C-alpha atoms as a PDB file:
ATOM      1  CA  UNK A   1      55.263  -6.344  52.370  1.00  0.00           C
ATOM      2  CA  UNK A   2      54.470  -8.490  49.339  1.00  0.00           C
ATOM      3  CA  UNK A   3      55.406  -7.726  45.761  1.00  0.00           C
ATOM      4  CA  UNK A   4      52.842  -7.170  43.008  1.00  0.00           C
ATOM      5  CA  UNK A   5      53.904 -10.528  41.534  1.00  0.00           C
ATOM      6  CA  UNK A   6      53.173 -12.310  44.852  1.00  0.00           C
ATOM      7  CA  UNK A   7      49.838 -10.525  45.144  1.00  0.00           C
ATOM      8  CA  UNK A   8      48.912 -11.626  41.619  1.00  0.00           C
ATOM      9  CA  UNK A   9      49.850 -15.237  42.417  1.00  0.00           C
ATOM     10  CA  UNK A  10      47.644 -15.200  45.526  1.00  0.00           C
ATOM     11  CA  UNK A  11      44.749 -13.683  43.584  1.00  0.00           C
ATOM     12  CA  UNK A  12      45.099 -16.310  40.856  1.00  0.00           C
ATOM     13  CA  UNK A  13      45.138 -19.123  43.432  1.00  0.00           C
ATOM     14  CA  UNK A  14      42.030 -17.718  45.136  1.00  0.00           C
ATOM     15  CA  UNK A  15      40.199 -17.505  41.816  1.00  0.00           C
ATOM     16  CA  UNK A  16      41.157 -21.051  40.783  1.00  0.00           C
ATOM     17  CA  UNK A  17      39.905 -22.719  43.971  1.00  0.00           C
ATOM     18  CA  UNK A  18      36.145 -22.166  43.504  1.00  0.00           C
ATOM     19  CA  UNK A  19      36.475 -22.845  39.790  1.00  0.00           C
ATOM     20  CA  UNK A  20      37.954 -26.266  40.540  1.00  0.00           C
ATOM     21  CA  UNK A  21      35.577 -26.955  43.417  1.00  0.00           C
ATOM     22  CA  UNK A  22      32.378 -26.210  41.532  1.00  0.00           C
ATOM     23  CA  UNK A  23      33.456 -27.578  38.147  1.00  0.00           C
ATOM     24  CA  UNK A  24      32.847 -31.147  39.233  1.00  0.00           C
ATOM     25  CA  UNK A  25      35.031 -31.912  42.245  1.00  0.00           C
ATOM     26  CA  UNK A  26      32.403 -30.961  44.834  1.00  0.00           C
ATOM     27  CA  UNK A  27      29.669 -32.923  43.101  1.00  0.00           C
ATOM     28  CA  UNK A  28      31.901 -35.998  42.852  1.00  0.00           C
ATOM     29  CA  UNK A  29      32.987 -35.681  46.478  1.00  0.00           C
ATOM     30  CA  UNK A  30      29.500 -35.176  47.904  1.00  0.00           C
ATOM     31  CA  UNK A  31      28.156 -38.105  45.845  1.00  0.00           C
ATOM     32  CA  UNK A  32      30.475 -40.588  47.586  1.00  0.00           C
ATOM     33  CA  UNK A  33      28.537 -43.138  49.682  1.00  0.00           C
ATOM     34  CA  UNK A  34      30.362 -42.274  52.918  1.00  0.00           C
ATOM     35  CA  UNK A  35      29.747 -38.532  52.503  1.00  0.00           C
ATOM     36  CA  UNK A  36      26.073 -39.132  51.671  1.00  0.00           C
ATOM     37  CA  UNK A  37      25.703 -41.361  54.737  1.00  0.00           C
ATOM     38  CA  UNK A  38      27.278 -38.675  56.931  1.00  0.00           C
ATOM     39  CA  UNK A  39      24.890 -36.020  55.594  1.00  0.00           C
ATOM     40  CA  UNK A  40      21.886 -38.290  56.131  1.00  0.00           C
ATOM     41  CA  UNK A  41      23.044 -38.970  59.686  1.00  0.00           C
ATOM     42  CA  UNK A  42      23.514 -35.236  60.328  1.00  0.00           C
ATOM     43  CA  UNK A  43      20.015 -34.461  59.038  1.00  0.00           C
ATOM     44  CA  UNK A  44      18.449 -37.174  61.222  1.00  0.00           C
ATOM     45  CA  UNK A  45      20.272 -35.739  64.246  1.00  0.00           C
ATOM     46  CA  UNK A  46      19.220 -32.159  63.431  1.00  0.00           C
ATOM     47  CA  UNK A  47      15.588 -33.240  63.134  1.00  0.00           C
ATOM     48  CA  UNK A  48      15.772 -35.374  66.279  1.00  0.00           C
ATOM     49  CA  UNK A  49      17.473 -32.791  68.489  1.00  0.00           C
ATOM     50  CA  UNK A  50      15.648 -29.715  67.184  1.00  0.00           C
ATOM     51  CA  UNK A  51      12.207 -31.262  67.094  1.00  0.00           C
ATOM     52  CA  UNK A  52      11.743 -29.685  63.645  1.00  0.00           C
ATOM     53  CA  UNK A  53       8.628 -30.856  61.907  1.00  0.00           C
ATOM     54  CA  UNK A  54       6.198 -30.198  59.102  1.00  0.00           C
ATOM     55  CA  UNK A  55       5.750 -26.494  59.840  1.00  0.00           C
ATOM     56  CA  UNK A  56       9.338 -25.721  60.857  1.00  0.00           C
ATOM     57  CA  UNK A  57      11.653 -23.437  58.933  1.00  0.00           C
ATOM     58  CA  UNK A  58      15.359 -23.899  58.379  1.00  0.00           C
ATOM     59  CA  UNK A  59      17.749 -21.043  57.764  1.00  0.00           C
ATOM     60  CA  UNK A  60      20.417 -21.895  55.212  1.00  0.00           C
ATOM     61  CA  UNK A  61      23.715 -20.120  55.631  1.00  0.00           C
ATOM     62  CA  UNK A  62      24.411 -20.556  51.933  1.00  0.00           C
ATOM     63  CA  UNK A  63      27.547 -22.598  52.428  1.00  0.00           C
ATOM     64  CA  UNK A  64      28.132 -25.475  50.041  1.00  0.00           C
ATOM     65  CA  UNK A  65      25.965 -26.832  47.265  1.00  0.00           C
ATOM     66  CA  UNK A  66      22.683 -27.265  49.167  1.00  0.00           C
ATOM     67  CA  UNK A  67      22.861 -31.027  49.766  1.00  0.00           C
ATOM     68  CA  UNK A  68      21.919 -30.776  53.420  1.00  0.00           C
ATOM     69  CA  UNK A  69      18.993 -28.460  52.728  1.00  0.00           C
ATOM     70  CA  UNK A  70      17.666 -30.890  50.109  1.00  0.00           C
ATOM     71  CA  UNK A  71      17.729 -33.693  52.661  1.00  0.00           C
ATOM     72  CA  UNK A  72      15.999 -31.492  55.247  1.00  0.00           C
ATOM     73  CA  UNK A  73      13.258 -30.413  52.854  1.00  0.00           C
ATOM     74  CA  UNK A  74      11.150 -33.628  52.549  1.00  0.00           C
ATOM     75  CA  UNK A  75      10.254 -33.878  56.279  1.00  0.00           C
ATOM     76  CA  UNK A  76       9.043 -30.285  56.149  1.00  0.00           C
ATOM     77  CA  UNK A  77       6.644 -30.823  53.261  1.00  0.00           C
END
């Protein structure tokens, strides 16, 4: 069984993670050329394998900052 002090430390760590992630780290990471190239490759593969086209719909699971969905959007317009 954990102590109240340990529980508080875990809670603090869990609260700090998204604050750090979404205060600039994620944007800097996802803007890196290699990460952008990987996302573009993934989107091309999704479109190729799924056959998604102009009238297709994509369900977003709401994970991340929406970069993949933004890349998927233009072919569907």
